[in-house]
Amino acid sequence: MRACLLHITLAVMVAATTACASREDWNMWLSHNTHFASGDHGWFSLANNKDGSNPKVSRSDIEESRQENWWGVYAINVSPSQIFQN
């Protein structure tokens, strides 16, 4: 019973996570050996919307993205006035 419940839970989790990604998302993700370049890249991605609305970008985010070579399908573009100091 417990093994059956585990299999069902895993199947639901896989279906839920794969349904949200586009083909472009999957191609980008599969071309790298990790989902994010670093923990900072992960936190940045979680803090910003995929569509780029309401961006939260700091000067250190910009420097870290250059140093760590962050990747992604969706670029966050901001004007200099939208970048905040740390």
N, C-alpha and C. Protein backbone atom coordinates (compact mmCIF):
# COMPACT_ATOMS: atom_id res chain seq x y z
N MET A 1 0.82 -1.20 0.00
CA MET A 1 0.00 0.00 0.00
C MET A 1 0.87 1.26 0.00
N ARG A 2 1.89 1.27 0.86
CA ARG A 2 2.75 2.43 0.97
C ARG A 2 3.52 2.66 -0.34
N ALA A 3 3.99 1.58 -0.98
CA ALA A 3 4.72 1.68 -2.24
C ALA A 3 3.81 2.21 -3.34
N CYS A 4 2.57 1.77 -3.35
CA CYS A 4 1.60 2.25 -4.36
C CYS A 4 1.35 3.75 -4.18
N LEU A 5 1.20 4.18 -2.95
CA LEU A 5 0.98 5.60 -2.67
C LEU A 5 2.20 6.43 -3.09
N LEU A 6 3.38 5.90 -2.87
CA LEU A 6 4.61 6.59 -3.27
C LEU A 6 4.66 6.74 -4.79
N HIS A 7 4.34 5.67 -5.52
CA HIS A 7 4.35 5.73 -6.98
C HIS A 7 3.33 6.73 -7.52
N ILE A 8 2.17 6.75 -6.94
CA ILE A 8 1.13 7.70 -7.36
C ILE A 8 1.59 9.13 -7.09
N THR A 9 2.16 9.36 -5.92
CA THR A 9 2.64 10.70 -5.56
C THR A 9 3.74 11.15 -6.53
N LEU A 10 4.68 10.26 -6.83
CA LEU A 10 5.74 10.61 -7.77
C LEU A 10 5.18 10.89 -9.16
N ALA A 11 4.23 10.12 -9.60
CA ALA A 11 3.63 10.33 -10.93
C ALA A 11 2.93 11.68 -10.99
N VAL A 12 2.23 12.05 -9.95
CA VAL A 12 1.55 13.34 -9.91
C VAL A 12 2.56 14.48 -9.91
N MET A 13 3.64 14.33 -9.15
CA MET A 13 4.67 15.37 -9.11
C MET A 13 5.33 15.55 -10.47
N VAL A 14 5.65 14.47 -11.15
CA VAL A 14 6.27 14.55 -12.48
C VAL A 14 5.30 15.20 -13.47
N ALA A 15 4.05 14.79 -13.44
CA ALA A 15 3.07 15.37 -14.35
C ALA A 15 2.88 16.86 -14.09
N ALA A 16 2.85 17.25 -12.84
CA ALA A 16 2.64 18.65 -12.50
C ALA A 16 3.82 19.52 -12.91
N THR A 17 5.04 19.02 -12.74
CA THR A 17 6.20 19.85 -13.06
C THR A 17 6.48 19.89 -14.55
N THR A 18 6.21 18.84 -15.27
CA THR A 18 6.50 18.85 -16.71
C THR A 18 5.43 19.60 -17.49
N ALA A 19 4.25 19.69 -16.97
CA ALA A 19 3.17 20.37 -17.68
C ALA A 19 3.38 21.88 -17.72
N CYS A 20 4.17 22.42 -16.84
CA CYS A 20 4.36 23.86 -16.76
C CYS A 20 5.50 24.37 -17.64
N ALA A 21 6.32 23.49 -18.16
CA ALA A 21 7.47 23.92 -18.94
C ALA A 21 7.18 23.79 -20.43
N SER A 22 7.61 24.79 -21.19
CA SER A 22 7.45 24.75 -22.64
C SER A 22 8.60 23.94 -23.24
N ARG A 23 8.53 23.67 -24.52
CA ARG A 23 9.61 22.96 -25.20
C ARG A 23 10.91 23.76 -25.09
N GLU A 24 10.80 25.08 -25.23
CA GLU A 24 11.98 25.94 -25.12
C GLU A 24 12.58 25.87 -23.71
N ASP A 25 11.70 25.86 -22.68
CA ASP A 25 12.17 25.71 -21.30
C ASP A 25 12.96 24.42 -21.13
N TRP A 26 12.40 23.32 -21.63
CA TRP A 26 13.04 22.02 -21.50
C TRP A 26 14.37 21.98 -22.24
N ASN A 27 14.42 22.52 -23.45
CA ASN A 27 15.67 22.53 -24.20
C ASN A 27 16.76 23.30 -23.47
N MET A 28 16.40 24.44 -22.88
CA MET A 28 17.37 25.23 -22.12
C MET A 28 17.83 24.45 -20.89
N TRP A 29 16.89 23.85 -20.18
CA TRP A 29 17.22 23.13 -18.96
C TRP A 29 18.09 21.91 -19.26
N LEU A 30 17.77 21.18 -20.32
CA LEU A 30 18.52 19.98 -20.67
C LEU A 30 19.91 20.27 -21.22
N SER A 31 20.14 21.50 -21.69
CA SER A 31 21.46 21.85 -22.23
C SER A 31 22.47 22.16 -21.13
N HIS A 32 22.05 22.16 -19.86
CA HIS A 32 22.94 22.42 -18.73
C HIS A 32 22.88 21.24 -17.77
N ASN A 33 23.92 21.06 -16.98
CA ASN A 33 23.94 19.92 -16.06
C ASN A 33 23.26 20.21 -14.73
N THR A 34 22.85 21.46 -14.51
CA THR A 34 22.08 21.82 -13.32
C THR A 34 20.94 22.75 -13.74
N HIS A 35 19.98 22.89 -12.85
CA HIS A 35 18.84 23.76 -13.18
C HIS A 35 19.23 25.23 -13.11
N PHE A 36 20.05 25.59 -12.13
CA PHE A 36 20.52 26.97 -11.96
C PHE A 36 22.04 26.97 -11.88
N ALA A 37 22.65 28.08 -12.25
CA ALA A 37 24.11 28.20 -12.20
C ALA A 37 24.62 28.20 -10.76
N SER A 38 23.79 28.71 -9.83
CA SER A 38 24.19 28.79 -8.42
C SER A 38 22.94 29.00 -7.58
N GLY A 39 23.13 29.00 -6.28
CA GLY A 39 22.02 29.30 -5.38
C GLY A 39 21.49 30.71 -5.59
N ASP A 40 22.40 31.65 -5.83
CA ASP A 40 21.98 33.04 -6.08
C ASP A 40 21.12 33.12 -7.34
N HIS A 41 21.49 32.37 -8.36
CA HIS A 41 20.72 32.33 -9.60
C HIS A 41 19.31 31.78 -9.31
N GLY A 42 19.24 30.74 -8.50
CA GLY A 42 17.95 30.16 -8.14
C GLY A 42 17.07 31.14 -7.38
N TRP A 43 17.64 31.81 -6.38
CA TRP A 43 16.86 32.79 -5.61
C TRP A 43 16.40 33.95 -6.49
N PHE A 44 17.28 34.39 -7.41
CA PHE A 44 16.91 35.46 -8.32
C PHE A 44 15.72 35.03 -9.19
N SER A 45 15.78 33.82 -9.71
CA SER A 45 14.71 33.33 -10.57
C SER A 45 13.39 33.19 -9.82
N LEU A 46 13.46 32.76 -8.57
CA LEU A 46 12.24 32.64 -7.76
C LEU A 46 11.65 34.00 -7.42
N ALA A 47 12.49 35.02 -7.30
CA ALA A 47 12.02 36.35 -6.92
C ALA A 47 11.44 37.14 -8.10
N ASN A 48 11.71 36.69 -9.33
CA ASN A 48 11.26 37.43 -10.51
C ASN A 48 10.30 36.60 -11.34
N ASN A 49 9.30 37.26 -11.91
CA ASN A 49 8.30 36.59 -12.74
C ASN A 49 8.90 36.19 -14.08
N LYS A 50 8.37 35.13 -14.68
CA LYS A 50 8.84 34.70 -16.00
C LYS A 50 8.62 35.77 -17.06
N ASP A 51 7.55 36.54 -16.93
CA ASP A 51 7.25 37.54 -17.95
C ASP A 51 8.02 38.85 -17.76
N GLY A 52 8.82 38.93 -16.70
CA GLY A 52 9.63 40.12 -16.47
C GLY A 52 8.90 41.28 -15.82
N SER A 53 7.64 41.07 -15.45
CA SER A 53 6.91 42.15 -14.79
C SER A 53 7.39 42.27 -13.34
N ASN A 54 7.43 43.47 -12.85
CA ASN A 54 7.86 43.76 -11.49
C ASN A 54 9.24 43.17 -11.17
N PRO A 55 10.26 43.54 -11.96
CA PRO A 55 11.59 42.97 -11.73
C PRO A 55 12.23 43.47 -10.44
N LYS A 56 12.98 42.59 -9.81
CA LYS A 56 13.73 42.92 -8.59
C LYS A 56 15.20 42.60 -8.87
N VAL A 57 15.95 43.61 -9.31
CA VAL A 57 17.33 43.41 -9.74
C VAL A 57 18.25 44.34 -8.97
N SER A 58 19.28 43.77 -8.37
CA SER A 58 20.27 44.59 -7.66
C SER A 58 21.57 44.62 -8.45
N ARG A 59 22.44 45.52 -8.07
CA ARG A 59 23.76 45.59 -8.72
C ARG A 59 24.52 44.27 -8.55
N SER A 60 24.41 43.67 -7.36
CA SER A 60 25.12 42.40 -7.14
C SER A 60 24.53 41.28 -8.00
N ASP A 61 23.22 41.31 -8.29
CA ASP A 61 22.62 40.33 -9.19
C ASP A 61 23.26 40.40 -10.58
N ILE A 62 23.47 41.61 -11.05
CA ILE A 62 24.06 41.81 -12.38
C ILE A 62 25.49 41.28 -12.40
N GLU A 63 26.26 41.61 -11.37
CA GLU A 63 27.65 41.15 -11.30
C GLU A 63 27.72 39.62 -11.19
N GLU A 64 26.87 39.04 -10.33
CA GLU A 64 26.87 37.59 -10.16
C GLU A 64 26.45 36.88 -11.44
N SER A 65 25.48 37.44 -12.15
CA SER A 65 25.03 36.80 -13.39
C SER A 65 26.15 36.78 -14.43
N ARG A 66 26.96 37.81 -14.45
CA ARG A 66 28.09 37.84 -15.38
C ARG A 66 29.19 36.87 -14.96
N GLN A 67 29.51 36.85 -13.67
CA GLN A 67 30.58 35.99 -13.17
C GLN A 67 30.22 34.51 -13.24
N GLU A 68 28.96 34.18 -12.95
CA GLU A 68 28.52 32.79 -12.90
C GLU A 68 27.91 32.30 -14.20
N ASN A 69 27.79 33.21 -15.19
CA ASN A 69 27.23 32.86 -16.49
C ASN A 69 25.82 32.27 -16.37
N TRP A 70 24.92 33.03 -15.75
CA TRP A 70 23.54 32.57 -15.59
C TRP A 70 22.91 32.36 -16.96
N TRP A 71 22.00 31.42 -17.06
CA TRP A 71 21.30 31.15 -18.30
C TRP A 71 19.80 31.15 -18.04
N GLY A 72 19.06 31.12 -19.08
CA GLY A 72 17.61 31.01 -18.97
C GLY A 72 16.93 31.40 -20.26
N VAL A 73 15.70 30.97 -20.39
CA VAL A 73 14.90 31.26 -21.57
C VAL A 73 14.39 32.69 -21.49
N TYR A 74 14.09 33.13 -20.28
CA TYR A 74 13.47 34.44 -20.08
C TYR A 74 14.47 35.41 -19.47
N ALA A 75 14.84 36.41 -20.22
CA ALA A 75 15.76 37.44 -19.71
C ALA A 75 14.96 38.50 -18.96
N ILE A 76 15.51 38.98 -17.88
CA ILE A 76 14.90 40.07 -17.12
C ILE A 76 15.61 41.35 -17.56
N ASN A 77 14.89 42.18 -18.28
CA ASN A 77 15.45 43.44 -18.77
C ASN A 77 14.92 44.59 -17.93
N VAL A 78 15.83 45.42 -17.44
CA VAL A 78 15.45 46.55 -16.61
C VAL A 78 16.20 47.79 -17.07
N SER A 79 15.62 48.93 -16.81
CA SER A 79 16.30 50.19 -17.09
C SER A 79 17.21 50.50 -15.90
N PRO A 80 18.22 51.32 -16.09
CA PRO A 80 19.13 51.65 -14.98
C PRO A 80 18.40 52.20 -13.74
N SER A 81 17.28 52.88 -13.95
CA SER A 81 16.55 53.44 -12.81
C SER A 81 15.86 52.37 -11.97
N GLN A 82 15.67 51.15 -12.52
CA GLN A 82 15.01 50.08 -11.80
C GLN A 82 15.97 49.21 -10.98
N ILE A 83 17.27 49.40 -11.18
CA ILE A 83 18.26 48.60 -10.46
C ILE A 83 18.49 49.23 -9.10
N PHE A 84 18.37 48.44 -8.04
CA PHE A 84 18.57 48.99 -6.70
C PHE A 84 19.93 48.60 -6.14
N GLN A 85 20.43 49.40 -5.23
CA GLN A 85 21.70 49.13 -4.57
C GLN A 85 21.49 48.10 -3.49
N ASN A 86 22.53 47.34 -3.17
CA ASN A 86 22.42 46.33 -2.11
C ASN A 86 22.53 46.97 -0.77
